[in-house]
Amino acid sequence: MQLPEDQLRAGHIPADLYRQIPPGTDVRRVVIVQEAPRSYTGPIVLTLVITAGSVAVLLVIAFVTQVIAASLISVLSATCGISYTISRTSKKRKKNALAHGSK
């Protein structure tokens, strides 16, 4: 019985609490109420929800930016003749093609 909680469960009254009991009080009728241990579930869940929400917002911003950029390129190519192409040829294929003399 090293911890105060163990003493309280065993029915012992620690000295510091015993001094706070008014004189003439029947010690057998004293009830000591302990504070419930703190629960960390709420703060952990709140942190996870904030993190997931932040990731979702960033993904939406990235998607909207991509759509705006694509529409801007299409408008510019239709009006000004500017075009943007994506080359899917890998660097390895280009090196092999140049080494064999083909283009």
PDB file of N, CA and C in Angstrom:
ATOM      1  N   MET A   1       0.830  -1.186   0.000  1.00  0.00           N
ATOM      2  CA  MET A   1       0.000   0.000   0.000  1.00  0.00           C
ATOM      3  C   MET A   1       0.872   1.245   0.000  1.00  0.00           C
ATOM      4  N   GLN A   2       1.471   1.516  -1.117  1.00  0.00           N
ATOM      5  CA  GLN A   2       2.369   2.658  -1.235  1.00  0.00           C
ATOM      6  C   GLN A   2       1.624   3.906  -1.705  1.00  0.00           C
ATOM      7  N   LEU A   3       0.635   3.734  -2.566  1.00  0.00           N
ATOM      8  CA  LEU A   3      -0.065   4.882  -3.140  1.00  0.00           C
ATOM      9  C   LEU A   3      -1.255   5.280  -2.276  1.00  0.00           C
ATOM     10  N   PRO A   4      -1.600   6.574  -2.260  1.00  0.00           N
ATOM     11  CA  PRO A   4      -2.778   7.010  -1.491  1.00  0.00           C
ATOM     12  C   PRO A   4      -4.060   6.330  -1.952  1.00  0.00           C
ATOM     13  N   GLU A   5      -4.150   6.031  -3.274  1.00  0.00           N
ATOM     14  CA  GLU A   5      -5.356   5.355  -3.760  1.00  0.00           C
ATOM     15  C   GLU A   5      -5.503   3.977  -3.121  1.00  0.00           C
ATOM     16  N   ASP A   6      -4.379   3.290  -2.952  1.00  0.00           N
ATOM     17  CA  ASP A   6      -4.425   1.975  -2.315  1.00  0.00           C
ATOM     18  C   ASP A   6      -4.865   2.093  -0.860  1.00  0.00           C
ATOM     19  N   GLN A   7      -4.400   3.136  -0.179  1.00  0.00           N
ATOM     20  CA  GLN A   7      -4.793   3.334   1.215  1.00  0.00           C
ATOM     21  C   GLN A   7      -6.287   3.628   1.318  1.00  0.00           C
ATOM     22  N   LEU A   8      -6.798   4.461   0.395  1.00  0.00           N
ATOM     23  CA  LEU A   8      -8.223   4.786   0.445  1.00  0.00           C
ATOM     24  C   LEU A   8      -9.075   3.566   0.148  1.00  0.00           C
ATOM     25  N   ARG A   9      -8.641   2.739  -0.825  1.00  0.00           N
ATOM     26  CA  ARG A   9      -9.416   1.525  -1.132  1.00  0.00           C
ATOM     27  C   ARG A   9      -9.425   0.561   0.054  1.00  0.00           C
ATOM     28  N   ALA A  10      -8.349   0.549   0.820  1.00  0.00           N
ATOM     29  CA  ALA A  10      -8.279  -0.353   1.970  1.00  0.00           C
ATOM     30  C   ALA A  10      -9.008   0.207   3.179  1.00  0.00           C
ATOM     31  N   GLY A  11      -9.511   1.447   3.082  1.00  0.00           N
ATOM     32  CA  GLY A  11     -10.274   2.021   4.187  1.00  0.00           C
ATOM     33  C   GLY A  11      -9.436   2.862   5.123  1.00  0.00           C
ATOM     34  N   HIS A  12      -8.155   3.068   4.827  1.00  0.00           N
ATOM     35  CA  HIS A  12      -7.305   3.899   5.670  1.00  0.00           C
ATOM     36  C   HIS A  12      -7.465   5.357   5.273  1.00  0.00           C
ATOM     37  N   ILE A  13      -7.394   6.228   6.243  1.00  0.00           N
ATOM     38  CA  ILE A  13      -7.465   7.658   5.975  1.00  0.00           C
ATOM     39  C   ILE A  13      -6.051   8.217   6.089  1.00  0.00           C
ATOM     40  N   PRO A  14      -5.510   8.779   5.023  1.00  0.00           N
ATOM     41  CA  PRO A  14      -4.165   9.356   5.097  1.00  0.00           C
ATOM     42  C   PRO A  14      -4.108  10.497   6.115  1.00  0.00           C
ATOM     43  N   ALA A  15      -2.914  10.758   6.627  1.00  0.00           N
ATOM     44  CA  ALA A  15      -2.739  11.727   7.710  1.00  0.00           C
ATOM     45  C   ALA A  15      -3.167  13.128   7.293  1.00  0.00           C
ATOM     46  N   ASP A  16      -2.873  13.529   6.062  1.00  0.00           N
ATOM     47  CA  ASP A  16      -3.245  14.884   5.657  1.00  0.00           C
ATOM     48  C   ASP A  16      -4.761  15.062   5.595  1.00  0.00           C
ATOM     49  N   LEU A  17      -5.489  14.012   5.194  1.00  0.00           N
ATOM     50  CA  LEU A  17      -6.960  14.088   5.193  1.00  0.00           C
ATOM     51  C   LEU A  17      -7.514  13.965   6.609  1.00  0.00           C
ATOM     52  N   TYR A  18      -6.832  13.194   7.446  1.00  0.00           N
ATOM     53  CA  TYR A  18      -7.291  12.988   8.819  1.00  0.00           C
ATOM     54  C   TYR A  18      -7.250  14.304   9.594  1.00  0.00           C
ATOM     55  N   ARG A  19      -6.250  15.159   9.294  1.00  0.00           N
ATOM     56  CA  ARG A  19      -6.134  16.450   9.977  1.00  0.00           C
ATOM     57  C   ARG A  19      -7.247  17.412   9.550  1.00  0.00           C
ATOM     58  N   GLN A  20      -7.837  17.193   8.373  1.00  0.00           N
ATOM     59  CA  GLN A  20      -8.891  18.095   7.883  1.00  0.00           C
ATOM     60  C   GLN A  20     -10.275  17.748   8.433  1.00  0.00           C
ATOM     61  N   ILE A  21     -10.387  16.578   9.045  1.00  0.00           N
ATOM     62  CA  ILE A  21     -11.685  16.161   9.596  1.00  0.00           C
ATOM     63  C   ILE A  21     -11.921  16.931  10.899  1.00  0.00           C
ATOM     64  N   PRO A  22     -13.090  17.564  11.034  1.00  0.00           N
ATOM     65  CA  PRO A  22     -13.373  18.332  12.264  1.00  0.00           C
ATOM     66  C   PRO A  22     -13.360  17.425  13.496  1.00  0.00           C
ATOM     67  N   PRO A  23     -12.931  17.954  14.612  1.00  0.00           N
ATOM     68  CA  PRO A  23     -12.918  17.148  15.838  1.00  0.00           C
ATOM     69  C   PRO A  23     -14.338  16.722  16.222  1.00  0.00           C
ATOM     70  N   GLY A  24     -14.432  15.526  16.744  1.00  0.00           N
ATOM     71  CA  GLY A  24     -15.720  14.988  17.172  1.00  0.00           C
ATOM     72  C   GLY A  24     -16.449  14.230  16.072  1.00  0.00           C
ATOM     73  N   THR A  25     -15.878  14.135  14.883  1.00  0.00           N
ATOM     74  CA  THR A  25     -16.513  13.429  13.776  1.00  0.00           C
ATOM     75  C   THR A  25     -16.210  11.943  13.905  1.00  0.00           C
ATOM     76  N   ASP A  26     -17.247  11.123  13.678  1.00  0.00           N
ATOM     77  CA  ASP A  26     -17.047   9.664  13.716  1.00  0.00           C
ATOM     78  C   ASP A  26     -16.311   9.256  12.438  1.00  0.00           C
ATOM     79  N   VAL A  27     -15.069   8.804  12.590  1.00  0.00           N
ATOM     80  CA  VAL A  27     -14.219   8.476  11.453  1.00  0.00           C
ATOM     81  C   VAL A  27     -14.780   7.286  10.667  1.00  0.00           C
ATOM     82  N   ARG A  28     -15.556   6.441  11.327  1.00  0.00           N
ATOM     83  CA  ARG A  28     -16.130   5.274  10.621  1.00  0.00           C
ATOM     84  C   ARG A  28     -17.203   5.684   9.633  1.00  0.00           C
ATOM     85  N   ARG A  29     -17.726   6.886   9.769  1.00  0.00           N
ATOM     86  CA  ARG A  29     -18.785   7.347   8.872  1.00  0.00           C
ATOM     87  C   ARG A  29     -18.272   8.335   7.812  1.00  0.00           C
ATOM     88  N   VAL A  30     -16.993   8.535   7.771  1.00  0.00           N
ATOM     89  CA  VAL A  30     -16.410   9.460   6.796  1.00  0.00           C
ATOM     90  C   VAL A  30     -16.289   8.749   5.456  1.00  0.00           C
ATOM     91  N   VAL A  31     -16.762   9.399   4.429  1.00  0.00           N
ATOM     92  CA  VAL A  31     -16.654   8.870   3.073  1.00  0.00           C
ATOM     93  C   VAL A  31     -15.737   9.797   2.282  1.00  0.00           C
ATOM     94  N   ILE A  32     -14.699   9.226   1.681  1.00  0.00           N
ATOM     95  CA  ILE A  32     -13.754  10.005   0.886  1.00  0.00           C
ATOM     96  C   ILE A  32     -14.066   9.743  -0.577  1.00  0.00           C
ATOM     97  N   VAL A  33     -14.333  10.815  -1.307  1.00  0.00           N
ATOM     98  CA  VAL A  33     -14.678  10.697  -2.720  1.00  0.00           C
ATOM     99  C   VAL A  33     -13.453  11.076  -3.548  1.00  0.00           C
ATOM    100  N   GLN A  34     -13.090  10.192  -4.440  1.00  0.00           N
ATOM    101  CA  GLN A  34     -11.935  10.446  -5.299  1.00  0.00           C
ATOM    102  C   GLN A  34     -12.379  11.032  -6.627  1.00  0.00           C
ATOM    103  N   GLU A  35     -11.518  11.861  -7.195  1.00  0.00           N
ATOM    104  CA  GLU A  35     -11.776  12.413  -8.515  1.00  0.00           C
ATOM    105  C   GLU A  35     -11.504  11.338  -9.558  1.00  0.00           C
ATOM    106  N   ALA A  36     -12.355  11.274 -10.563  1.00  0.00           N
ATOM    107  CA  ALA A  36     -12.192  10.268 -11.620  1.00  0.00           C
ATOM    108  C   ALA A  36     -10.922  10.561 -12.407  1.00  0.00           C
ATOM    109  N   PRO A  37     -10.242   9.512 -12.868  1.00  0.00           N
ATOM    110  CA  PRO A  37      -9.043   9.746 -13.674  1.00  0.00           C
ATOM    111  C   PRO A  37      -9.392  10.438 -14.987  1.00  0.00           C
ATOM    112  N   ARG A  38      -8.456  11.251 -15.484  1.00  0.00           N
ATOM    113  CA  ARG A  38      -8.709  12.020 -16.703  1.00  0.00           C
ATOM    114  C   ARG A  38      -8.738  11.099 -17.917  1.00  0.00           C
ATOM    115  N   SER A  39      -9.689  11.349 -18.792  1.00  0.00           N
ATOM    116  CA  SER A  39      -9.802  10.591 -20.027  1.00  0.00           C
ATOM    117  C   SER A  39      -9.175  11.402 -21.164  1.00  0.00           C
ATOM    118  N   TYR A  40      -8.299  10.758 -21.930  1.00  0.00           N
ATOM    119  CA  TYR A  40      -7.626  11.429 -23.043  1.00  0.00           C
ATOM    120  C   TYR A  40      -8.278  11.098 -24.383  1.00  0.00           C
ATOM    121  N   THR A  41      -9.391  10.413 -24.384  1.00  0.00           N
ATOM    122  CA  THR A  41     -10.051  10.030 -25.631  1.00  0.00           C
ATOM    123  C   THR A  41     -10.522  11.252 -26.418  1.00  0.00           C
ATOM    124  N   GLY A  42     -11.133  12.208 -25.755  1.00  0.00           N
ATOM    125  CA  GLY A  42     -11.650  13.394 -26.431  1.00  0.00           C
ATOM    126  C   GLY A  42     -10.575  14.196 -27.148  1.00  0.00           C
ATOM    127  N   PRO A  43      -9.490  14.574 -26.452  1.00  0.00           N
ATOM    128  CA  PRO A  43      -8.442  15.339 -27.144  1.00  0.00           C
ATOM    129  C   PRO A  43      -7.783  14.573 -28.291  1.00  0.00           C
ATOM    130  N   ILE A  44      -7.624  13.260 -28.146  1.00  0.00           N
ATOM    131  CA  ILE A  44      -7.007  12.463 -29.213  1.00  0.00           C
ATOM    132  C   ILE A  44      -7.924  12.431 -30.433  1.00  0.00           C
ATOM    133  N   VAL A  45      -9.216  12.201 -30.218  1.00  0.00           N
ATOM    134  CA  VAL A  45     -10.167  12.165 -31.335  1.00  0.00           C
ATOM    135  C   VAL A  45     -10.246  13.538 -32.003  1.00  0.00           C
ATOM    136  N   LEU A  46     -10.234  14.599 -31.205  1.00  0.00           N
ATOM    137  CA  LEU A  46     -10.273  15.948 -31.760  1.00  0.00           C
ATOM    138  C   LEU A  46      -9.045  16.218 -32.634  1.00  0.00           C
ATOM    139  N   THR A  47      -7.878  15.786 -32.194  1.00  0.00           N
ATOM    140  CA  THR A  47      -6.654  15.957 -32.980  1.00  0.00           C
ATOM    141  C   THR A  47      -6.736  15.192 -34.293  1.00  0.00           C
ATOM    142  N   LEU A  48      -7.245  13.970 -34.253  1.00  0.00           N
ATOM    143  CA  LEU A  48      -7.381  13.179 -35.479  1.00  0.00           C
ATOM    144  C   LEU A  48      -8.375  13.810 -36.449  1.00  0.00           C
ATOM    145  N   VAL A  49      -9.472  14.326 -35.934  1.00  0.00           N
ATOM    146  CA  VAL A  49     -10.479  14.961 -36.794  1.00  0.00           C
ATOM    147  C   VAL A  49      -9.913  16.225 -37.439  1.00  0.00           C
ATOM    148  N   ILE A  50      -9.172  17.019 -36.675  1.00  0.00           N
ATOM    149  CA  ILE A  50      -8.569  18.234 -37.228  1.00  0.00           C
ATOM    150  C   ILE A  50      -7.551  17.881 -38.301  1.00  0.00           C
ATOM    151  N   THR A  51      -6.740  16.848 -38.051  1.00  0.00           N
ATOM    152  CA  THR A  51      -5.741  16.429 -39.037  1.00  0.00           C
ATOM    153  C   THR A  51      -6.410  15.926 -40.311  1.00  0.00           C
ATOM    154  N   ALA A  52      -7.425  15.090 -40.181  1.00  0.00           N
ATOM    155  CA  ALA A  52      -8.126  14.565 -41.357  1.00  0.00           C
ATOM    156  C   ALA A  52      -8.821  15.692 -42.125  1.00  0.00           C
ATOM    157  N   GLY A  53      -9.400  16.640 -41.413  1.00  0.00           N
ATOM    158  CA  GLY A  53     -10.042  17.773 -42.073  1.00  0.00           C
ATOM    159  C   GLY A  53      -9.046  18.635 -42.831  1.00  0.00           C
ATOM    160  N   SER A  54      -7.881  18.844 -42.241  1.00  0.00           N
ATOM    161  CA  SER A  54      -6.846  19.636 -42.914  1.00  0.00           C
ATOM    162  C   SER A  54      -6.369  18.953 -44.191  1.00  0.00           C
ATOM    163  N   VAL A  55      -6.182  17.642 -44.119  1.00  0.00           N
ATOM    164  CA  VAL A  55      -5.766  16.895 -45.312  1.00  0.00           C
ATOM    165  C   VAL A  55      -6.839  16.970 -46.387  1.00  0.00           C
ATOM    166  N   ALA A  56      -8.096  16.844 -45.996  1.00  0.00           N
ATOM    167  CA  ALA A  56      -9.191  16.914 -46.966  1.00  0.00           C
ATOM    168  C   ALA A  56      -9.244  18.294 -47.624  1.00  0.00           C
ATOM    169  N   VAL A  57      -9.070  19.336 -46.845  1.00  0.00           N
ATOM    170  CA  VAL A  57      -9.083  20.697 -47.403  1.00  0.00           C
ATOM    171  C   VAL A  57      -7.929  20.885 -48.383  1.00  0.00           C
ATOM    172  N   LEU A  58      -6.744  20.388 -48.032  1.00  0.00           N
ATOM    173  CA  LEU A  58      -5.595  20.510 -48.936  1.00  0.00           C
ATOM    174  C   LEU A  58      -5.815  19.741 -50.238  1.00  0.00           C
ATOM    175  N   LEU A  59      -6.436  18.556 -50.148  1.00  0.00           N
ATOM    176  CA  LEU A  59      -6.728  17.796 -51.365  1.00  0.00           C
ATOM    177  C   LEU A  59      -7.732  18.520 -52.253  1.00  0.00           C
ATOM    178  N   VAL A  60      -8.731  19.121 -51.663  1.00  0.00           N
ATOM    179  CA  VAL A  60      -9.716  19.873 -52.439  1.00  0.00           C
ATOM    180  C   VAL A  60      -9.058  21.077 -53.107  1.00  0.00           C
ATOM    181  N   ILE A  61      -8.192  21.778 -52.368  1.00  0.00           N
ATOM    182  CA  ILE A  61      -7.485  22.925 -52.954  1.00  0.00           C
ATOM    183  C   ILE A  61      -6.617  22.479 -54.117  1.00  0.00           C
ATOM    184  N   ALA A  62      -5.913  21.346 -53.971  1.00  0.00           N
ATOM    185  CA  ALA A  62      -5.067  20.844 -55.056  1.00  0.00           C
ATOM    186  C   ALA A  62      -5.909  20.481 -56.280  1.00  0.00           C
ATOM    187  N   PHE A  63      -7.045  19.851 -56.069  1.00  0.00           N
ATOM    188  CA  PHE A  63      -7.917  19.467 -57.184  1.00  0.00           C
ATOM    189  C   PHE A  63      -8.471  20.697 -57.901  1.00  0.00           C
ATOM    190  N   VAL A  64      -8.930  21.678 -57.129  1.00  0.00           N
ATOM    191  CA  VAL A  64      -9.480  22.900 -57.730  1.00  0.00           C
ATOM    192  C   VAL A  64      -8.398  23.641 -58.508  1.00  0.00           C
ATOM    193  N   THR A  65      -7.181  23.693 -57.960  1.00  0.00           N
ATOM    194  CA  THR A  65      -6.075  24.344 -58.665  1.00  0.00           C
ATOM    195  C   THR A  65      -5.777  23.643 -59.978  1.00  0.00           C
ATOM    196  N   GLN A  66      -5.813  22.313 -59.959  1.00  0.00           N
ATOM    197  CA  GLN A  66      -5.566  21.542 -61.183  1.00  0.00           C
ATOM    198  C   GLN A  66      -6.650  21.829 -62.224  1.00  0.00           C
ATOM    199  N   VAL A  67      -7.892  21.881 -61.819  1.00  0.00           N
ATOM    200  CA  VAL A  67      -8.991  22.148 -62.749  1.00  0.00           C
ATOM    201  C   VAL A  67      -8.877  23.563 -63.321  1.00  0.00           C
ATOM    202  N   ILE A  68      -8.543  24.524 -62.466  1.00  0.00           N
ATOM    203  CA  ILE A  68      -8.390  25.906 -62.943  1.00  0.00           C
ATOM    204  C   ILE A  68      -7.234  26.002 -63.937  1.00  0.00           C
ATOM    205  N   ALA A  69      -6.112  25.337 -63.640  1.00  0.00           N
ATOM    206  CA  ALA A  69      -4.967  25.376 -64.552  1.00  0.00           C
ATOM    207  C   ALA A  69      -5.311  24.729 -65.890  1.00  0.00           C
ATOM    208  N   ALA A  70      -6.012  23.610 -65.874  1.00  0.00           N
ATOM    209  CA  ALA A  70      -6.391  22.934 -67.116  1.00  0.00           C
ATOM    210  C   ALA A  70      -7.344  23.796 -67.933  1.00  0.00           C
ATOM    211  N   SER A  71      -8.298  24.411 -67.276  1.00  0.00           N
ATOM    212  CA  SER A  71      -9.236  25.255 -68.015  1.00  0.00           C
ATOM    213  C   SER A  71      -8.543  26.506 -68.544  1.00  0.00           C
ATOM    214  N   LEU A  72      -7.590  27.049 -67.800  1.00  0.00           N
ATOM    215  CA  LEU A  72      -6.841  28.212 -68.263  1.00  0.00           C
ATOM    216  C   LEU A  72      -6.016  27.871 -69.500  1.00  0.00           C
ATOM    217  N   ILE A  73      -5.380  26.701 -69.493  1.00  0.00           N
ATOM    218  CA  ILE A  73      -4.607  26.269 -70.656  1.00  0.00           C
ATOM    219  C   ILE A  73      -5.518  26.063 -71.859  1.00  0.00           C
ATOM    220  N   SER A  74      -6.681  25.479 -71.641  1.00  0.00           N
ATOM    221  CA  SER A  74      -7.586  25.251 -72.776  1.00  0.00           C
ATOM    222  C   SER A  74      -8.111  26.568 -73.344  1.00  0.00           C
ATOM    223  N   VAL A  75      -8.399  27.528 -72.482  1.00  0.00           N
ATOM    224  CA  VAL A  75      -8.864  28.838 -72.952  1.00  0.00           C
ATOM    225  C   VAL A  75      -7.751  29.544 -73.712  1.00  0.00           C
ATOM    226  N   LEU A  76      -6.544  29.516 -73.190  1.00  0.00           N
ATOM    227  CA  LEU A  76      -5.420  30.172 -73.869  1.00  0.00           C
ATOM    228  C   LEU A  76      -5.107  29.509 -75.203  1.00  0.00           C
ATOM    229  N   SER A  77      -5.188  28.189 -75.252  1.00  0.00           N
ATOM    230  CA  SER A  77      -4.901  27.513 -76.518  1.00  0.00           C
ATOM    231  C   SER A  77      -5.984  27.794 -77.557  1.00  0.00           C
ATOM    232  N   ALA A  78      -7.227  27.996 -77.114  1.00  0.00           N
ATOM    233  CA  ALA A  78      -8.307  28.277 -78.055  1.00  0.00           C
ATOM    234  C   ALA A  78      -8.269  29.721 -78.545  1.00  0.00           C
ATOM    235  N   THR A  79      -7.830  30.624 -77.696  1.00  0.00           N
ATOM    236  CA  THR A  79      -7.863  32.038 -78.078  1.00  0.00           C
ATOM    237  C   THR A  79      -6.536  32.546 -78.635  1.00  0.00           C
ATOM    238  N   CYS A  80      -5.428  32.172 -78.059  1.00  0.00           N
ATOM    239  CA  CYS A  80      -4.142  32.744 -78.448  1.00  0.00           C
ATOM    240  C   CYS A  80      -3.267  31.788 -79.252  1.00  0.00           C
ATOM    241  N   GLY A  81      -3.666  30.579 -79.387  1.00  0.00           N
ATOM    242  CA  GLY A  81      -2.851  29.609 -80.099  1.00  0.00           C
ATOM    243  C   GLY A  81      -1.742  29.009 -79.245  1.00  0.00           C
ATOM    244  N   ILE A  82      -1.767  29.230 -77.943  1.00  0.00           N
ATOM    245  CA  ILE A  82      -0.762  28.645 -77.041  1.00  0.00           C
ATOM    246  C   ILE A  82      -1.188  27.218 -76.724  1.00  0.00           C
ATOM    247  N   SER A  83      -0.249  26.313 -76.772  1.00  0.00           N
ATOM    248  CA  SER A  83      -0.587  24.923 -76.455  1.00  0.00           C
ATOM    249  C   SER A  83       0.383  24.379 -75.417  1.00  0.00           C
ATOM    250  N   TYR A  84      -0.071  23.402 -74.712  1.00  0.00           N
ATOM    251  CA  TYR A  84       0.731  22.761 -73.668  1.00  0.00           C
ATOM    252  C   TYR A  84       0.583  21.261 -73.855  1.00  0.00           C
ATOM    253  N   THR A  85       1.678  20.571 -74.040  1.00  0.00           N
ATOM    254  CA  THR A  85       1.623  19.123 -74.235  1.00  0.00           C
ATOM    255  C   THR A  85       2.417  18.432 -73.150  1.00  0.00           C
ATOM    256  N   ILE A  86       1.952  17.263 -72.812  1.00  0.00           N
ATOM    257  CA  ILE A  86       2.643  16.446 -71.821  1.00  0.00           C
ATOM    258  C   ILE A  86       3.284  15.283 -72.561  1.00  0.00           C
ATOM    259  N   SER A  87       4.596  15.177 -72.460  1.00  0.00           N
ATOM    260  CA  SER A  87       5.317  14.097 -73.128  1.00  0.00           C
ATOM    261  C   SER A  87       5.403  12.909 -72.182  1.00  0.00           C
ATOM    262  N   ARG A  88       4.945  11.775 -72.642  1.00  0.00           N
ATOM    263  CA  ARG A  88       4.962  10.583 -71.806  1.00  0.00           C
ATOM    264  C   ARG A  88       6.142   9.673 -72.129  1.00  0.00           C
ATOM    265  N   THR A  89       7.054  10.114 -72.953  1.00  0.00           N
ATOM    266  CA  THR A  89       8.209   9.309 -73.310  1.00  0.00           C
ATOM    267  C   THR A  89       9.185   9.323 -72.142  1.00  0.00           C
ATOM    268  N   SER A  90       9.631   8.157 -71.741  1.00  0.00           N
ATOM    269  CA  SER A  90      10.554   8.095 -70.616  1.00  0.00           C
ATOM    270  C   SER A  90      11.956   8.462 -71.066  1.00  0.00           C
ATOM    271  N   LYS A  91      12.799   8.850 -70.137  1.00  0.00           N
ATOM    272  CA  LYS A  91      14.163   9.235 -70.455  1.00  0.00           C
ATOM    273  C   LYS A  91      14.954   8.052 -70.987  1.00  0.00           C
ATOM    274  N   LYS A  92      14.652   6.856 -70.498  1.00  0.00           N
ATOM    275  CA  LYS A  92      15.365   5.657 -70.924  1.00  0.00           C
ATOM    276  C   LYS A  92      15.099   5.382 -72.414  1.00  0.00           C
ATOM    277  N   ARG A  93      13.860   5.554 -72.859  1.00  0.00           N
ATOM    278  CA  ARG A  93      13.522   5.336 -74.276  1.00  0.00           C
ATOM    279  C   ARG A  93      14.229   6.359 -75.165  1.00  0.00           C
ATOM    280  N   LYS A  94      14.311   7.594 -74.690  1.00  0.00           N
ATOM    281  CA  LYS A  94      14.983   8.632 -75.472  1.00  0.00           C
ATOM    282  C   LYS A  94      16.471   8.304 -75.637  1.00  0.00           C
ATOM    283  N   LYS A  95      17.104   7.840 -74.575  1.00  0.00           N
ATOM    284  CA  LYS A  95      18.532   7.498 -74.653  1.00  0.00           C
ATOM    285  C   LYS A  95      18.753   6.336 -75.597  1.00  0.00           C
ATOM    286  N   ASN A  96      17.898   5.318 -75.539  1.00  0.00           N
ATOM    287  CA  ASN A  96      18.024   4.162 -76.438  1.00  0.00           C
ATOM    288  C   ASN A  96      17.791   4.571 -77.890  1.00  0.00           C
ATOM    289  N   ALA A  97      16.834   5.449 -78.120  1.00  0.00           N
ATOM    290  CA  ALA A  97      16.527   5.894 -79.467  1.00  0.00           C
ATOM    291  C   ALA A  97      17.696   6.691 -80.051  1.00  0.00           C
ATOM    292  N   LEU A  98      18.304   7.530 -79.225  1.00  0.00           N
ATOM    293  CA  LEU A  98      19.446   8.301 -79.709  1.00  0.00           C
ATOM    294  C   LEU A  98      20.670   7.423 -79.930  1.00  0.00           C
ATOM    295  N   ALA A  99      20.834   6.395 -79.127  1.00  0.00           N
ATOM    296  CA  ALA A  99      21.989   5.503 -79.256  1.00  0.00           C
ATOM    297  C   ALA A  99      21.881   4.672 -80.530  1.00  0.00           C
ATOM    298  N   HIS A 100      20.678   4.290 -80.957  1.00  0.00           N
ATOM    299  CA  HIS A 100      20.488   3.458 -82.162  1.00  0.00           C
ATOM    300  C   HIS A 100      20.358   4.302 -83.417  1.00  0.00           C
ATOM    301  N   GLY A 101      20.340   5.601 -83.296  1.00  0.00           N
ATOM    302  CA  GLY A 101      20.285   6.462 -84.461  1.00  0.00           C
ATOM    303  C   GLY A 101      18.891   6.794 -84.930  1.00  0.00           C
ATOM    304  N   SER A 102      17.879   6.336 -84.266  1.00  0.00           N
ATOM    305  CA  SER A 102      16.522   6.678 -84.670  1.00  0.00           C
ATOM    306  C   SER A 102      16.026   7.821 -83.823  1.00  0.00           C
ATOM    307  N   LYS A 103      14.991   8.467 -84.306  1.00  0.00           N
ATOM    308  CA  LYS A 103      14.478   9.617 -83.594  1.00  0.00           C
ATOM    309  C   LYS A 103      13.186   9.291 -82.886  1.00  0.00           C
TER     310      LYS A 103
END
